[in-house]
């Protein structure tokens, strides 16, 4: 009896296993959900299936296995002239085409944490499919994807319709999608290649929703453009690239919630053959920890940076100059160099904002900003403008900004007259507007502070010694009560001046040229007199 019961039990187990196996076979084959539609566990299973001719659409739950990312709807099509990665043929000789509007990387074989070669091909196939569908974006999906060859978003061969064929990239957010560059140290991870005939035919492309970093710190470029306009970069976190964004011939690009952390350069933009880097706008972005420059913009106009922060740049390098923002000869195609309303802190090197003035006049607006100097190390200046005799007029607006330093730490900060908050070096024509600005240290207060005159000087009338000046190179005491005030080259812009003395008297003009002003000062009796303090302002 015991043996018989045992046999019955074993037979029952075998039958259960057979039933489970049949059920699994049914799942791995297909299940007709509605007439004309079928579902398969994976694309691999669908390829080996005999699919009834009544089925026009089928859905797969995976690529090689359920849940591996190869989910998608497919439609029955005629045999394609050219078989693409979004086609497959089932065992009954029917052809099927991926029917989703938005491709995913994993559908085309990308594997999170997998080999770069598979991910490389998946990017190419997904981008090609998105262009085939008429444009849109590739859904990167969650995961960490290593790439060893540049992902090229090429819209030079698209149809004539303005948006047709434009493909962007959209990840699952900086905490969901990570792109790792394992390619050459001198190549970009992502390249946007635009129309050669001008910005008017460039796209409103959107790229973002991912974290990006090189496999080897300090190598490669994150994103590069070769002619681009109106591109939107959104929700991107970059780590440790040599250059995070390398924009060549780019214009009117917008950055939202983009962070660039550590590396050599955060953003480098310039003109090669088409356009100056004009109208670049940043909202809530940050760049920090760059060894040379946070931003370098050459010959650009209207760089706009609102909110966020620019800090801890220029550290860890001995190159010179270096700092947070470098604007090289701005104003080539617009008279506004830049607009900043942000937080600067702990920059090392030349300045938070370093401008080399060219022949074009420009304005620099840094209004409502915080310029904070840390104790280790310190920047030389917060704003530094380098000019020469041929430079155009420079107007600097810092209304409502605060310039301060922080004491404490192992090496307390020591203010110095050689590290003025703002320094306009050899700039012949300039204005500084600083109404409502706060200067923490009187020692580092800029000599040019306090107004918008073309030139201004305060000197001791007994010997011509200058107390404060701007736009003036020297004061000569020619005789009792007679002075020649020598201008820096080209500073005089109008035949208007006024003077005050620290006593009762009056002054008289003797000569006014492009190089100097001569005045005489008299006491109330009309006698030439040396006053202890004479202030002369040349109006613009």
Foldseek 3Di string as FASTA:
>chain_A
DVVVVVVVVVVVVVVVVVVVVVVVVDQQAWDPPDFQEIEHQEPVSQQAYDDDPRHFKYWYCAHNGHPQPLTFMKGWDPDDPDDALQWGAHPNRTIIGGDDQEAELVNQPFHAVDDQVRSQVSLVRRLVVNLVSFEDEHEDEFGEGEHADAREQEPQPHDQPLHGRGYEYAYQAAVGYEYEYAYFQAEENYEYEAHPPAAVSAHLYEYERHEYEYPDAQGHEHYEYDAHENYEYERYEYPRYQEDYEYENYEHYEYEAYEAEAYAEDYEYQYDDYDFHENYEYDQYEYARHQFEDYEGEQYAEYEYEEHEFEHYNPPDDDPAGWYYEYEQYDNPHAEHYAAQYEYEAIAHAENYEYEFDQHHHEYHHENYEHEAEVPPGHLEHYEYEYALNGHEYEYEHEQYEYYYDADDPGGDDDALRRANYYYHRHQFYFYHYHNYHYHDPSRHDLRPDGGFLKKWKAFQVAQHTDGIDQWDGWHNPDQQKIKTFGRQQSADDPDKDKDAPAAWGKDWDDDDRTITMMGIAHPVRHGHGGGMMMMTRGD
